[in-house]
Structure formats: C-alpha cells, structure tokens
C-alpha cells in the first residue's frame, strides 16, 4: 500500500492535512470523499510507496 497526504476543507471552512493509506491515488481520493464529502479534497499526493 502507498501512503498519501491530502488537504481537505472541513464543513466550517477551515482546512486540515490528513494522511491515508491506499492501493492507489484513485482509491485514496474515493475514501477521503466518502468521509469528507465530494469536492472537499483540495490536494492529494503520494508520500511513500511500499
């Protein structure tokens, strides 16, 4: 699994940096959108490949 870092916009308008592990970036984005709602993922990039 790879490790990704994302910046998401929270419902109150602030942003938060989060890390997530997923098989690939599309799956990481889908997981983040399921948790934080679609359109709130501002940036997503790979930190580590394992």
N, C-alpha and C. Protein backbone atom coordinates (compact mmCIF):
# COMPACT_ATOMS: atom_id res chain seq x y z
N UNK A 1 0.82 -1.18 0.00
CA UNK A 1 0.00 0.00 0.00
C UNK A 1 0.87 1.24 0.00
N UNK A 2 0.36 2.30 -0.59
CA UNK A 2 1.04 3.58 -0.62
C UNK A 2 0.45 4.50 0.45
N UNK A 3 1.23 5.48 0.85
CA UNK A 3 0.75 6.47 1.82
C UNK A 3 0.57 7.80 1.09
N UNK A 4 -0.56 8.44 1.32
CA UNK A 4 -0.90 9.69 0.67
C UNK A 4 -1.17 10.76 1.71
N UNK A 5 -0.90 12.00 1.31
CA UNK A 5 -1.24 13.15 2.16
C UNK A 5 -2.24 13.99 1.39
N UNK A 6 -3.27 14.45 2.07
CA UNK A 6 -4.29 15.27 1.44
C UNK A 6 -4.59 16.48 2.30
N UNK A 7 -5.08 17.51 1.64
CA UNK A 7 -5.63 18.67 2.34
C UNK A 7 -7.11 18.68 2.02
N UNK A 8 -7.93 18.68 3.06
CA UNK A 8 -9.38 18.67 2.88
C UNK A 8 -9.99 19.91 3.52
N UNK A 9 -11.08 20.39 2.93
CA UNK A 9 -11.81 21.51 3.50
C UNK A 9 -12.91 20.95 4.39
N UNK A 10 -12.95 21.39 5.62
CA UNK A 10 -13.94 20.94 6.59
C UNK A 10 -15.22 21.76 6.45
N UNK A 11 -16.33 21.25 6.99
CA UNK A 11 -17.61 21.96 6.87
C UNK A 11 -17.58 23.40 7.42
N UNK A 12 -16.72 23.67 8.39
CA UNK A 12 -16.67 25.03 8.93
C UNK A 12 -15.79 25.97 8.10
N UNK A 13 -15.23 25.47 6.99
CA UNK A 13 -14.44 26.29 6.09
C UNK A 13 -12.94 26.20 6.29
N UNK A 14 -12.50 25.65 7.40
CA UNK A 14 -11.06 25.51 7.64
C UNK A 14 -10.52 24.32 6.84
N UNK A 15 -9.21 24.22 6.75
CA UNK A 15 -8.60 23.10 6.05
C UNK A 15 -7.81 22.27 7.05
N UNK A 16 -7.64 20.99 6.69
CA UNK A 16 -6.91 20.07 7.55
C UNK A 16 -6.09 19.14 6.67
N UNK A 17 -4.85 18.89 7.09
CA UNK A 17 -3.99 17.95 6.39
C UNK A 17 -4.20 16.57 7.01
N UNK A 18 -4.40 15.56 6.19
CA UNK A 18 -4.61 14.19 6.67
C UNK A 18 -3.73 13.24 5.86
N UNK A 19 -3.41 12.10 6.45
CA UNK A 19 -2.68 11.06 5.73
C UNK A 19 -3.58 9.83 5.66
N UNK A 20 -3.39 9.06 4.60
CA UNK A 20 -4.22 7.88 4.37
C UNK A 20 -3.38 6.85 3.62
N UNK A 21 -3.65 5.58 3.87
CA UNK A 21 -3.00 4.51 3.14
C UNK A 21 -4.01 3.89 2.20
N UNK A 22 -3.60 3.69 0.96
CA UNK A 22 -4.48 3.10 -0.05
C UNK A 22 -3.62 2.44 -1.13
N UNK A 23 -4.25 1.61 -1.94
CA UNK A 23 -3.54 0.91 -3.01
C UNK A 23 -3.07 1.86 -4.11
N UNK A 24 -3.86 2.90 -4.41
CA UNK A 24 -3.50 3.87 -5.44
C UNK A 24 -4.28 5.16 -5.19
N UNK A 25 -3.93 6.22 -5.89
CA UNK A 25 -4.47 7.55 -5.60
C UNK A 25 -5.98 7.64 -5.81
N UNK A 26 -6.51 6.95 -6.80
CA UNK A 26 -7.96 6.99 -7.03
C UNK A 26 -8.74 6.42 -5.86
N UNK A 27 -8.23 5.36 -5.30
CA UNK A 27 -8.87 4.76 -4.14
C UNK A 27 -8.73 5.67 -2.91
N UNK A 28 -7.57 6.31 -2.76
CA UNK A 28 -7.37 7.24 -1.64
C UNK A 28 -8.38 8.39 -1.73
N UNK A 29 -8.54 8.96 -2.92
CA UNK A 29 -9.49 10.05 -3.10
C UNK A 29 -10.92 9.59 -2.81
N UNK A 30 -11.28 8.41 -3.28
CA UNK A 30 -12.64 7.89 -3.04
C UNK A 30 -12.90 7.71 -1.55
N UNK A 31 -11.91 7.21 -0.82
CA UNK A 31 -12.07 7.03 0.62
C UNK A 31 -12.21 8.37 1.34
N UNK A 32 -11.40 9.35 0.93
CA UNK A 32 -11.49 10.67 1.54
C UNK A 32 -12.82 11.35 1.22
N UNK A 33 -13.29 11.21 -0.01
CA UNK A 33 -14.58 11.81 -0.38
C UNK A 33 -15.74 11.13 0.34
N UNK A 34 -15.61 9.85 0.64
CA UNK A 34 -16.65 9.16 1.40
C UNK A 34 -16.72 9.71 2.83
N UNK A 35 -15.58 10.10 3.36
CA UNK A 35 -15.55 10.61 4.73
C UNK A 35 -15.84 12.10 4.81
N UNK A 36 -15.29 12.88 3.88
CA UNK A 36 -15.37 14.35 3.97
C UNK A 36 -16.31 14.98 2.96
N UNK A 37 -16.92 14.22 2.09
CA UNK A 37 -17.84 14.67 1.04
C UNK A 37 -17.09 15.01 -0.24
N UNK A 38 -17.76 14.81 -1.33
CA UNK A 38 -17.17 15.05 -2.64
C UNK A 38 -16.85 16.53 -2.82
N UNK A 39 -15.72 16.80 -3.43
CA UNK A 39 -15.32 18.17 -3.71
C UNK A 39 -14.54 18.85 -2.60
N UNK A 40 -14.37 18.18 -1.47
CA UNK A 40 -13.65 18.79 -0.34
C UNK A 40 -12.17 18.43 -0.31
N UNK A 41 -11.73 17.51 -1.17
CA UNK A 41 -10.31 17.15 -1.22
C UNK A 41 -9.62 18.18 -2.12
N UNK A 42 -8.81 19.04 -1.52
CA UNK A 42 -8.17 20.12 -2.26
C UNK A 42 -6.87 19.69 -2.91
N UNK A 43 -6.10 18.86 -2.23
CA UNK A 43 -4.81 18.37 -2.74
C UNK A 43 -4.62 16.94 -2.29
N UNK A 44 -3.98 16.16 -3.14
CA UNK A 44 -3.67 14.77 -2.79
C UNK A 44 -2.35 14.42 -3.46
N UNK A 45 -1.40 13.94 -2.67
CA UNK A 45 -0.14 13.49 -3.27
C UNK A 45 0.44 12.32 -2.49
N UNK A 46 1.24 11.53 -3.20
CA UNK A 46 1.83 10.32 -2.62
C UNK A 46 3.04 10.69 -1.77
N UNK A 47 3.08 10.15 -0.56
CA UNK A 47 4.22 10.35 0.32
C UNK A 47 5.22 9.21 0.18
N UNK A 48 4.71 7.99 0.21
CA UNK A 48 5.57 6.80 0.21
C UNK A 48 4.94 5.69 -0.60
N UNK A 49 5.78 4.93 -1.22
CA UNK A 49 5.35 3.71 -1.91
C UNK A 49 5.96 2.53 -1.18
N UNK A 50 5.13 1.54 -0.90
CA UNK A 50 5.68 0.36 -0.22
C UNK A 50 5.63 -0.85 -1.11
